Amino acid sequence: MKLSQFKFKLPEEKIALYPAKYRDESRLMVVHKSTGQLEHVLFKDILNYFDDKDVFIFNDTKVFPARLYGNKEKTGARIEVFLLRELNPDLHLWDVLVDPARKIRIGNKLYFGDDDSMVAEVIDNTTSRGRTLRFLYDDGPHDEFKKALYALGEPPLPPFIHRAAEPEDNERFQTIFARNEGAVTVPAAGLHFSRELMKRMEIKGIESAFITMHCGLGNFRDIDVEDLTKHKMDSEQMFINAEACRIVNTAKDENHKVCAVGTSVMRSVETAVGTDCRLKEFEGWTNKFIFPPYEFSLADSMISNFHMPLSTMLMLVCSFGGYELIMEAYHTALKEDYRFGTYGDAMLILDK
């Protein structure tokens, strides 16, 4: 398929700037692949479609406050620094993006905080916007450095949310089950699960399996080729342990539903699934790009938010639900005033 087939007109006012008041009271569109039927319910009604011993697979990655603002030495120019990943904990080296990039050279120093208490030096240029920073911190152990660094940061809201981060985002731009730090964007489908809903799942006998994929900025990178076979995804780190494999594979063996909560989970399990259609333990990196047509091996249902036009997430959802049906569902969502994006409403696709 071609990139242009995933283009649709998304009015700015359809993009959610804030989350729903309660996590599980977003709207939910239920898409039945077998009949093409579309239902409109609330997210907390999702358990009506699952039974005892069915399994939800969640991504338990934790977002860190990756967006910082500093001032360049001498000029005082305001520079946005986006932390991507820590390269060397002992030397406090970080791979970052800077904006505006044209103002930053090797050897420049950046000052952070109201009192300029955190200082970083640019030691390498890796891409047009990318840099390696060395934070000049000698005041204590690494844990204290990370705490001081993160205190300066804010939740890294995606580029289509056109507002500054607010205190509420510290909690809401994070799933309630986040525990393994490393993501620079949140796995959005997991945001709809409240503690009350998770408890109701447990009472109904629906099981939870947790995997980790540290979601990166590649999810928002523009695709610049019409031929999708030529697009290369950024690599993201992922972990699947034996316990998750046991829970998922038992459900498969006993013919229960397996639901992938989000595109990051679907990419992870499709990376780690064996030829026997069973989940395998995995620790490493994946750059798997899923677009139609694609034969899925593991999950028979999935939850997803309503994604941006031309995005890799939309392509994956179309792969699972069927291109025509999902594009029809998206046009219905626009007519019915569903909210799009990370803080928006959700879709459940049922294969059986």
Protein backbone atom coordinates (compact mmCIF):
# COMPACT_ATOMS: atom_id res chain seq x y z
CA MET A 1 0.00 0.00 0.00
CA LYS A 2 0.96 3.63 -0.48
CA LEU A 3 1.42 6.40 2.07
CA SER A 4 -1.28 8.55 0.45
CA GLN A 5 -3.91 5.90 1.18
CA PHE A 6 -3.66 6.78 4.89
CA LYS A 7 -4.40 10.46 4.44
CA PHE A 8 -7.64 11.94 5.75
CA LYS A 9 -8.75 15.40 6.80
CA LEU A 10 -8.52 15.77 10.57
CA PRO A 11 -9.82 19.14 11.83
CA GLU A 12 -7.70 20.64 14.60
CA GLU A 13 -10.67 20.72 16.99
CA LYS A 14 -10.99 16.91 16.85
CA ILE A 15 -7.58 16.43 18.51
CA ALA A 16 -7.91 16.04 22.28
CA LEU A 17 -5.84 18.59 24.16
CA TYR A 18 -6.77 17.16 27.57
CA PRO A 19 -7.72 13.69 28.83
CA ALA A 20 -11.24 12.72 29.81
CA LYS A 21 -12.11 13.59 33.41
CA TYR A 22 -12.04 9.90 34.35
CA ARG A 23 -9.72 7.48 32.57
CA ASP A 24 -12.33 4.80 31.86
CA GLU A 25 -15.04 7.21 30.69
CA SER A 26 -13.57 7.98 27.31
CA ARG A 27 -15.76 6.87 24.43
CA LEU A 28 -15.13 3.46 22.89
CA MET A 29 -15.95 2.40 19.35
CA VAL A 30 -16.25 -1.38 19.05
CA VAL A 31 -15.41 -2.71 15.58
CA HIS A 32 -16.60 -6.23 14.76
CA LYS A 33 -14.39 -7.52 11.95
CA SER A 34 -16.65 -10.44 11.10
CA THR A 35 -19.77 -8.32 10.46
CA GLY A 36 -18.44 -4.80 9.98
CA GLN A 37 -20.73 -3.60 12.79
CA LEU A 38 -19.67 -0.50 14.72
CA GLU A 39 -20.88 0.02 18.30
CA HIS A 40 -20.58 3.16 20.42
CA VAL A 41 -20.13 2.67 24.18
CA LEU A 42 -17.99 3.98 27.05
CA PHE A 43 -14.54 2.54 27.68
CA LYS A 44 -15.60 1.08 31.04
CA ASP A 45 -18.05 -1.15 29.10
CA ILE A 46 -15.14 -2.97 27.48
CA LEU A 47 -15.38 -5.91 29.88
CA ASN A 48 -18.73 -6.85 28.32
CA TYR A 49 -16.75 -8.20 25.36
CA PHE A 50 -14.41 -10.46 27.37
CA ASP A 51 -14.81 -13.48 29.62
CA ASP A 52 -13.06 -15.47 32.34
CA LYS A 53 -9.50 -16.51 31.34
CA ASP A 54 -9.25 -14.03 28.47
CA VAL A 55 -6.00 -12.02 28.55
CA PHE A 56 -5.10 -8.36 28.08
CA ILE A 57 -1.45 -7.66 27.24
CA PHE A 58 -0.27 -4.29 28.59
CA ASN A 59 2.87 -2.22 28.01
CA ASP A 60 4.25 -1.23 31.43
CA THR A 61 6.85 1.24 30.17
CA LYS A 62 7.16 4.43 32.20
CA VAL A 63 7.51 7.86 30.60
CA PHE A 64 10.19 10.14 32.04
CA PRO A 65 9.98 13.98 31.94
CA ALA A 66 12.01 14.27 28.77
CA ARG A 67 11.40 17.89 27.73
CA LEU A 68 13.65 20.53 29.34
CA TYR A 69 14.29 24.19 28.62
CA GLY A 70 17.73 25.70 29.07
CA ASN A 71 19.62 28.86 28.23
CA LYS A 72 22.72 29.06 26.08
CA GLU A 73 25.82 30.56 27.67
CA LYS A 74 26.62 34.18 26.84
CA THR A 75 23.59 34.80 24.60
CA GLY A 76 20.93 33.43 26.99
CA ALA A 77 19.01 32.04 24.02
CA ARG A 78 16.21 29.70 25.11
CA ILE A 79 16.87 26.12 23.91
CA GLU A 80 14.50 23.17 24.11
CA VAL A 81 16.30 19.94 24.99
CA PHE A 82 14.49 16.64 24.50
CA LEU A 83 16.14 13.74 26.34
CA LEU A 84 16.12 10.57 24.25
CA ARG A 85 18.24 8.09 26.18
CA GLU A 86 21.04 7.93 28.68
CA LEU A 87 24.27 6.82 27.01
CA ASN A 88 26.65 6.59 29.98
CA PRO A 89 25.41 6.89 33.58
CA ASP A 90 28.92 7.34 35.01
CA LEU A 91 29.72 10.31 32.76
CA HIS A 92 26.12 11.67 32.69
CA LEU A 93 26.04 11.45 28.89
CA TRP A 94 22.66 11.77 27.15
CA ASP A 95 21.50 11.48 23.56
CA VAL A 96 19.20 14.49 23.01
CA LEU A 97 17.41 16.61 20.43
CA VAL A 98 17.81 20.38 20.57
CA ASP A 99 15.65 23.11 19.09
CA PRO A 100 16.60 25.46 17.51
CA ALA A 101 19.46 23.22 16.42
CA ARG A 102 21.25 25.87 14.34
CA LYS A 103 22.25 27.75 17.49
CA ILE A 104 24.03 24.87 19.19
CA ARG A 105 27.64 23.85 18.50
CA ILE A 106 30.12 21.47 20.07
CA GLY A 107 31.59 23.09 23.17
CA ASN A 108 28.52 25.22 23.93
CA LYS A 109 27.23 25.13 27.50
CA LEU A 110 23.55 25.11 28.44
CA TYR A 111 22.19 26.19 31.83
CA PHE A 112 19.00 24.76 33.36
CA GLY A 113 16.83 25.77 36.30
CA ASP A 114 15.97 29.15 37.76
CA ASP A 115 19.36 29.29 39.43
CA ASP A 116 21.32 27.69 36.54
CA SER A 117 22.12 24.84 38.92
CA MET A 118 22.32 22.21 36.18
CA VAL A 119 24.90 22.71 33.44
CA ALA A 120 25.46 20.63 30.30
CA GLU A 121 28.16 20.77 27.66
CA VAL A 122 27.63 19.77 24.03
CA ILE A 123 30.29 17.18 23.17
CA ASP A 124 29.04 15.71 19.88
CA ASN A 125 26.77 16.44 16.91
CA THR A 126 25.14 13.25 15.66
CA THR A 127 22.35 14.45 13.32
CA SER A 128 20.95 17.75 12.14
CA ARG A 129 19.02 18.16 15.40
CA GLY A 130 20.66 15.52 17.59
CA ARG A 131 23.44 16.14 20.08
CA THR A 132 25.28 14.38 22.88
CA LEU A 133 25.24 16.32 26.13
CA ARG A 134 27.47 15.78 29.15
CA PHE A 135 25.81 17.06 32.30
CA LEU A 136 28.41 18.58 34.62
CA TYR A 137 27.19 17.14 37.90
CA ASP A 138 29.53 16.22 40.74
CA ASP A 139 27.28 16.72 43.75
CA GLY A 140 26.32 13.15 44.54
CA PRO A 141 25.41 9.66 43.33
CA HIS A 142 23.71 8.91 40.05
CA ASP A 143 20.24 8.56 41.59
CA GLU A 144 20.47 12.09 42.94
CA PHE A 145 21.58 13.37 39.52
CA LYS A 146 18.59 11.72 37.82
CA LYS A 147 16.22 13.12 40.42
CA ALA A 148 17.65 16.63 39.95
CA LEU A 149 17.54 16.31 36.15
CA TYR A 150 13.96 15.04 36.05
CA ALA A 151 12.85 17.80 38.42
CA LEU A 152 13.74 20.24 35.63
CA GLY A 153 11.76 18.36 32.98
CA GLU A 154 8.12 18.18 32.00
CA PRO A 155 5.92 15.47 30.45
CA PRO A 156 6.84 15.18 26.73
CA LEU A 157 3.42 15.79 25.18
CA PRO A 158 3.35 14.86 21.49
CA PRO A 159 3.66 17.59 18.85
CA PHE A 160 -0.03 17.57 17.88
CA ILE A 161 -1.08 18.61 21.41
CA HIS A 162 -0.62 22.34 20.93
CA ARG A 163 -0.25 23.49 24.51
CA ALA A 164 2.37 23.52 27.24
CA ALA A 165 2.48 20.69 29.76
CA GLU A 166 0.51 21.35 32.96
CA PRO A 167 0.79 19.79 36.44
CA GLU A 168 -2.08 17.37 35.71
CA ASP A 169 -0.04 15.86 32.88
CA ASN A 170 2.49 14.46 35.36
CA GLU A 171 -0.16 11.91 36.35
CA ARG A 172 -2.33 11.63 33.25
CA PHE A 173 0.47 11.26 30.67
CA GLN A 174 1.28 7.93 32.33
CA THR A 175 -0.55 4.62 32.63
CA ILE A 176 -1.52 3.50 36.14
CA PHE A 177 0.61 0.35 35.71
CA ALA A 178 3.77 2.09 34.43
CA ARG A 179 6.85 0.74 36.21
CA ASN A 180 9.83 0.33 33.86
CA GLU A 181 11.27 3.73 33.00
CA GLY A 182 12.48 4.45 29.49
CA ALA A 183 9.71 5.85 27.24
CA VAL A 184 9.55 9.36 25.79
CA THR A 185 5.89 8.97 24.87
CA VAL A 186 3.09 7.10 26.55
CA PRO A 187 1.44 3.93 25.18
CA ALA A 188 -1.86 5.74 24.70
CA ALA A 189 -4.29 2.81 24.67
CA GLY A 190 -3.27 1.96 28.23
CA LEU A 191 -4.31 5.40 29.49
CA HIS A 192 -7.99 4.37 29.56
CA PHE A 193 -7.50 1.75 32.27
CA SER A 194 -8.41 2.96 35.77
CA ARG A 195 -7.76 1.17 39.03
CA GLU A 196 -11.48 0.46 39.30
CA LEU A 197 -11.58 -1.08 35.84
CA MET A 198 -8.50 -3.21 36.55
CA LYS A 199 -10.20 -4.45 39.73
CA ARG A 200 -13.37 -5.34 37.82
CA MET A 201 -11.20 -7.23 35.31
CA GLU A 202 -9.66 -9.21 38.14
CA ILE A 203 -13.08 -10.04 39.64
CA LYS A 204 -14.33 -11.23 36.24
CA GLY A 205 -11.30 -13.50 35.88
CA ILE A 206 -9.69 -11.63 32.98
CA GLU A 207 -5.92 -11.96 33.24
CA SER A 208 -3.22 -9.35 32.65
CA ALA A 209 0.17 -9.95 31.05
CA PHE A 210 2.78 -7.17 31.10
CA ILE A 211 5.50 -6.61 28.52
CA THR A 212 7.78 -3.58 28.15
CA MET A 213 8.42 -1.52 25.03
CA HIS A 214 10.04 1.87 25.54
CA CYS A 215 8.06 4.00 23.08
CA GLY A 216 10.25 6.44 21.17
CA LEU A 217 9.85 9.57 19.07
CA GLY A 218 9.89 7.48 15.90
CA ASN A 219 6.14 7.05 16.40
CA PHE A 220 5.71 10.70 15.42
CA ARG A 221 8.34 10.93 12.69
CA ASP A 222 6.96 11.82 9.26
CA ILE A 223 7.15 9.13 6.61
CA ASP A 224 8.87 10.66 3.60
CA VAL A 225 8.38 7.85 1.05
CA GLU A 226 5.20 6.95 -0.85
CA ASP A 227 6.26 3.31 -1.10
CA LEU A 228 5.82 1.99 2.46
CA THR A 229 8.21 -0.91 1.89
CA LYS A 230 11.01 1.67 1.83
CA HIS A 231 10.20 3.22 5.24
CA LYS A 232 12.49 2.27 8.15
CA MET A 233 11.14 2.46 11.68
CA ASP A 234 13.34 3.71 14.52
CA SER A 235 14.43 0.90 16.85
CA GLU A 236 12.78 0.63 20.25
CA GLN A 237 13.90 -1.44 23.21
CA MET A 238 11.57 -4.20 24.42
CA PHE A 239 11.41 -6.96 27.03
CA ILE A 240 9.09 -9.96 27.27
CA ASN A 241 9.56 -12.23 30.28
CA ALA A 242 8.63 -15.86 30.97
CA GLU A 243 5.58 -14.97 33.06
CA ALA A 244 4.00 -12.96 30.26
CA CYS A 245 4.66 -15.82 27.85
CA ARG A 246 3.05 -18.33 30.24
CA ILE A 247 -0.12 -16.25 30.68
CA VAL A 248 -0.54 -15.51 26.97
CA ASN A 249 0.31 -18.98 25.72
CA THR A 250 -2.02 -20.67 28.21
CA ALA A 251 -4.86 -18.50 26.91
CA LYS A 252 -3.96 -19.42 23.33
CA ASP A 253 -3.79 -23.12 24.17
CA GLU A 254 -7.23 -22.97 25.81
CA ASN A 255 -8.78 -20.88 23.00
CA HIS A 256 -9.41 -17.75 25.06
CA LYS A 257 -9.22 -14.22 23.66
CA VAL A 258 -5.86 -12.41 23.67
CA CYS A 259 -6.15 -8.63 23.44
CA ALA A 260 -3.17 -6.40 22.59
CA VAL A 261 -3.57 -3.08 24.41
CA GLY A 262 -2.10 -0.64 21.91
CA THR A 263 0.09 -0.64 18.83
CA SER A 264 3.31 -0.89 20.88
CA VAL A 265 2.09 -4.17 22.38
CA MET A 266 1.06 -5.49 18.98
CA ARG A 267 4.46 -4.67 17.46
CA SER A 268 6.20 -6.28 20.44
CA VAL A 269 4.32 -9.56 20.38
CA GLU A 270 4.59 -9.80 16.59
CA THR A 271 8.35 -9.35 17.00
CA ALA A 272 8.59 -12.12 19.58
CA VAL A 273 6.02 -14.65 18.34
CA GLY A 274 7.30 -18.03 17.17
CA THR A 275 6.33 -20.05 14.12
CA ASP A 276 4.01 -22.01 16.41
CA CYS A 277 2.03 -18.79 17.07
CA ARG A 278 3.17 -18.77 20.69
CA LEU A 279 4.90 -15.91 22.49
CA LYS A 280 8.64 -16.26 23.20
CA GLU A 281 10.84 -14.52 25.76
CA PHE A 282 12.66 -11.54 24.28
CA GLU A 283 15.16 -8.90 25.32
CA GLY A 284 16.48 -6.53 22.71
CA TRP A 285 15.38 -4.03 20.07
CA THR A 286 12.75 -4.01 17.36
CA ASN A 287 12.13 -1.82 14.33
CA LYS A 288 9.18 -3.86 13.10
CA PHE A 289 6.91 -1.88 10.79
CA ILE A 290 3.43 -3.34 10.29
CA PHE A 291 1.29 -2.10 7.40
CA PRO A 292 -1.31 -3.81 5.15
CA PRO A 293 -1.37 -6.55 4.12
CA TYR A 294 -0.04 -8.36 7.20
CA GLU A 295 -0.80 -11.77 8.72
CA PHE A 296 -1.07 -11.55 12.52
CA SER A 297 0.00 -14.55 14.58
CA LEU A 298 -1.01 -13.98 18.19
CA ALA A 299 -3.65 -11.46 19.34
CA ASP A 300 -7.24 -11.79 18.14
CA SER A 301 -8.36 -8.39 19.44
CA MET A 302 -6.73 -5.05 20.03
CA ILE A 303 -7.36 -1.67 21.64
CA SER A 304 -6.12 1.52 20.03
CA ASN A 305 -6.68 5.25 20.17
CA PHE A 306 -7.70 7.17 17.07
CA HIS A 307 -4.42 8.09 15.41
CA MET A 308 -3.13 10.87 13.21
CA PRO A 309 -3.34 10.73 9.39
CA LEU A 310 -0.31 9.16 7.67
CA SER A 311 0.94 7.67 10.97
CA THR A 312 2.53 4.25 11.38
CA MET A 313 0.03 3.55 14.19
CA LEU A 314 -2.91 4.05 11.83
CA MET A 315 -1.24 1.69 9.35
CA LEU A 316 -0.92 -1.02 11.98
CA VAL A 317 -4.56 -0.64 13.02
CA CYS A 318 -5.63 -0.90 9.36
CA SER A 319 -3.51 -4.04 9.06
CA PHE A 320 -5.37 -5.67 11.94
CA GLY A 321 -8.90 -4.45 11.31
CA GLY A 322 -8.83 -4.33 7.52
CA TYR A 323 -8.10 -1.16 5.56
CA GLU A 324 -11.62 -0.44 4.28
CA LEU A 325 -13.35 -1.18 7.59
CA ILE A 326 -10.96 0.90 9.70
CA MET A 327 -11.03 3.86 7.34
CA GLU A 328 -14.84 3.68 7.43
CA ALA A 329 -14.64 3.58 11.25
CA TYR A 330 -12.38 6.65 11.26
CA HIS A 331 -14.77 8.60 9.06
CA THR A 332 -17.61 7.57 11.38
CA ALA A 333 -15.52 8.74 14.35
CA LEU A 334 -15.13 12.16 12.73
CA LYS A 335 -18.88 12.45 12.12
CA GLU A 336 -19.68 11.27 15.66
CA ASP A 337 -17.23 13.70 17.31
CA TYR A 338 -14.79 11.16 18.70
CA ARG A 339 -11.59 12.70 20.05
CA PHE A 340 -8.32 11.85 18.31
CA GLY A 341 -4.75 11.51 19.57
CA THR A 342 -3.00 10.44 22.76
CA TYR A 343 -5.62 11.95 25.07
CA GLY A 344 -8.51 10.97 22.81
CA ASP A 345 -11.07 8.17 22.63
CA ALA A 346 -10.48 4.48 21.94
CA MET A 347 -11.33 1.71 19.54
CA LEU A 348 -11.71 -2.01 20.27
CA ILE A 349 -11.29 -4.33 17.29
CA LEU A 350 -12.71 -7.84 17.76
CA ASP A 351 -11.67 -10.65 15.42
CA LYS A 352 -14.01 -13.20 16.98
